[in-house]
Amino acid sequence: MKNLVAILMFVCAGFSLNAQVEFKTEVSKDAVMINEPFKVEYKVNKNFDDFNLKGNENFEIISGPSTSFQQSINMTNGKTKKTISVTYTYFLKAKTAGKQTVPTAEVKIHGKYYYSDAKDIIVIDAEYHNPKENEIKDIEGTSKL
């Protein structure tokens, strides 16, 4: 039984080394107003050593990173497939109007650097207003608006 476990671990390690690195950027909106919060997720399909967000003076980080990690091993007809997904999530807001490229990120995997794909958004020259900022509440905390 120990030999079987060792063989499975070796096979899984071999599959994970041969799979190509995928590093994606996903943006929650294609267009935002200045100062409107939006979500950016950086997803990579490998374990990595370092994660760095490449700063951009046109964006401010509101929160993040929050991270999630998923891993699965699928065995079908004697073939083993190991899947890993690591996600870093940020909430940003844009400071200037126009077509903007959200910050990219880099990871280091086995001494080599990989970069997330670039995503553009349109930033509209209008100030974002949070509708809950001016909400009037009664004693029970329910809204009067």
Protein backbone atom coordinates (compact mmCIF):
# COMPACT_ATOMS: atom_id res chain seq x y z
CA MET A 1 0.00 0.00 0.00
CA LYS A 2 2.87 2.37 0.83
CA ASN A 3 4.36 1.71 -2.61
CA LEU A 4 1.05 2.55 -4.28
CA VAL A 5 0.82 5.86 -2.42
CA ALA A 6 4.45 6.71 -3.34
CA ILE A 7 3.77 5.90 -7.00
CA LEU A 8 0.61 8.04 -7.04
CA MET A 9 2.49 10.96 -5.49
CA PHE A 10 5.26 10.62 -8.10
CA VAL A 11 2.74 10.48 -10.96
CA CYS A 12 0.86 13.53 -9.62
CA ALA A 13 4.11 15.47 -9.26
CA GLY A 14 5.04 14.59 -12.84
CA PHE A 15 1.71 15.80 -14.19
CA SER A 16 1.88 19.07 -12.26
CA LEU A 17 5.38 19.81 -13.58
CA ASN A 18 4.43 19.14 -17.21
CA ALA A 19 1.26 21.26 -17.25
CA GLN A 20 1.64 24.75 -18.66
CA VAL A 21 1.38 27.77 -16.39
CA GLU A 22 -1.82 29.77 -16.81
CA PHE A 23 -1.95 33.16 -15.12
CA LYS A 24 -5.13 35.14 -15.75
CA THR A 25 -6.53 38.50 -14.73
CA GLU A 26 -10.31 38.75 -14.32
CA VAL A 27 -12.09 42.08 -13.85
CA SER A 28 -15.65 42.37 -12.53
CA LYS A 29 -16.59 45.33 -14.78
CA ASP A 30 -15.61 46.59 -18.22
CA ALA A 31 -16.41 50.21 -17.33
CA VAL A 32 -16.44 52.09 -14.02
CA MET A 33 -16.74 55.65 -12.78
CA ILE A 34 -13.86 57.41 -11.05
CA ASN A 35 -13.63 56.11 -7.44
CA GLU A 36 -16.12 53.30 -8.09
CA PRO A 37 -14.96 50.04 -6.45
CA PHE A 38 -14.47 46.99 -8.67
CA LYS A 39 -13.02 43.52 -8.16
CA VAL A 40 -9.87 42.15 -9.80
CA GLU A 41 -8.89 38.49 -9.48
CA TYR A 42 -5.50 37.05 -10.38
CA LYS A 43 -5.70 33.27 -10.97
CA VAL A 44 -2.76 30.92 -11.43
CA ASN A 45 -2.84 27.14 -11.91
CA LYS A 46 0.43 26.35 -10.09
CA ASN A 47 1.94 26.70 -6.65
CA PHE A 48 4.35 29.61 -6.62
CA ASP A 49 7.02 31.21 -4.47
CA ASP A 50 6.24 34.93 -4.71
CA PHE A 51 3.24 37.04 -5.72
CA ASN A 52 3.70 40.72 -6.55
CA LEU A 53 1.11 43.19 -7.74
CA LYS A 54 2.70 45.59 -10.20
CA GLY A 55 1.58 48.99 -8.98
CA ASN A 56 -0.17 51.51 -11.16
CA GLU A 57 -0.55 55.13 -10.14
CA ASN A 58 -4.01 55.30 -11.77
CA PHE A 59 -5.55 52.84 -9.26
CA GLU A 60 -5.92 52.69 -5.50
CA ILE A 61 -6.20 49.42 -3.58
CA ILE A 62 -9.31 49.51 -1.39
CA SER A 63 -8.85 46.01 0.01
CA GLY A 64 -6.83 42.91 -0.60
CA PRO A 65 -5.35 40.65 -1.21
CA SER A 66 -7.65 37.91 -0.06
CA THR A 67 -6.52 34.50 -1.20
CA SER A 68 -8.13 31.18 -1.98
CA PHE A 69 -6.58 27.84 -2.86
CA GLN A 70 -8.26 24.86 -4.54
CA GLN A 71 -6.73 21.52 -5.39
CA SER A 72 -8.21 18.36 -6.88
CA ILE A 73 -6.88 15.02 -8.06
CA ASN A 74 -8.87 13.10 -10.66
CA MET A 75 -8.09 9.51 -11.57
CA THR A 76 -9.82 8.18 -14.70
CA ASN A 77 -8.91 4.95 -16.49
CA GLY A 78 -5.52 4.83 -14.80
CA LYS A 79 -4.69 8.44 -15.68
CA THR A 80 -4.15 10.95 -12.91
CA LYS A 81 -4.79 14.66 -13.30
CA LYS A 82 -3.96 17.16 -10.57
CA THR A 83 -5.57 20.58 -10.75
CA ILE A 84 -4.51 23.58 -8.66
CA SER A 85 -6.04 27.04 -8.61
CA VAL A 86 -4.74 29.92 -6.51
CA THR A 87 -6.68 33.20 -6.59
CA TYR A 88 -5.65 36.60 -5.24
CA THR A 89 -8.58 39.03 -5.02
CA TYR A 90 -8.32 42.82 -4.75
CA PHE A 91 -10.87 45.63 -4.75
CA LEU A 92 -9.58 48.69 -6.58
CA LYS A 93 -10.84 52.09 -7.63
CA ALA A 94 -9.64 54.17 -10.55
CA LYS A 95 -8.37 57.69 -9.97
CA THR A 96 -8.28 59.02 -13.56
CA ALA A 97 -10.66 58.85 -16.50
CA GLY A 98 -10.03 57.18 -19.84
CA LYS A 99 -8.97 53.75 -21.02
CA GLN A 100 -6.88 52.25 -18.22
CA THR A 101 -5.00 48.98 -17.85
CA VAL A 102 -5.53 47.35 -14.45
CA PRO A 103 -2.31 46.46 -12.62
CA THR A 104 -0.73 43.19 -13.68
CA ALA A 105 0.80 40.71 -11.26
CA GLU A 106 3.83 38.45 -11.29
CA VAL A 107 4.55 35.08 -9.70
CA LYS A 108 7.78 33.13 -9.41
CA ILE A 109 7.56 29.40 -10.17
CA HIS A 110 10.71 27.28 -9.98
CA GLY A 111 12.90 30.38 -10.42
CA LYS A 112 11.05 31.68 -13.48
CA TYR A 113 8.75 34.74 -13.49
CA TYR A 114 5.29 34.70 -15.04
CA TYR A 115 3.00 37.69 -15.59
CA SER A 116 -0.78 37.92 -15.62
CA ASP A 117 -2.50 39.03 -18.80
CA ALA A 118 -3.35 42.72 -19.16
CA LYS A 119 -6.99 43.84 -18.90
CA ASP A 120 -8.29 47.24 -19.95
CA ILE A 121 -11.30 49.02 -18.48
CA ILE A 122 -12.99 52.28 -19.37
CA VAL A 123 -13.05 54.82 -16.55
CA ILE A 124 -15.84 57.37 -16.90
CA ASP A 125 -15.26 60.95 -15.81
CA ALA A 126 -18.07 61.03 -13.27
CA GLU A 127 -17.75 60.77 -9.51
CA TYR A 128 -19.10 57.55 -8.02
CA HIS A 129 -21.67 58.08 -5.30
CA ASN A 130 -22.45 55.27 -2.89
CA PRO A 131 -26.25 55.38 -2.43
CA LYS A 132 -25.96 54.13 1.16
CA GLU A 133 -23.77 57.05 2.30
CA ASN A 134 -26.69 59.45 2.79
CA GLU A 135 -29.22 56.95 4.04
CA ILE A 136 -31.30 58.21 6.98
CA LYS A 137 -32.08 55.51 9.55
CA ASP A 138 -34.76 55.41 12.23
CA ILE A 139 -34.29 54.07 15.76
CA GLU A 140 -34.64 50.42 14.69
CA GLY A 141 -32.00 50.91 11.98
CA THR A 142 -34.34 50.59 9.02
CA SER A 143 -34.02 53.01 6.16
CA LYS A 144 -36.40 55.95 5.79
CA LEU A 145 -35.40 56.49 2.14
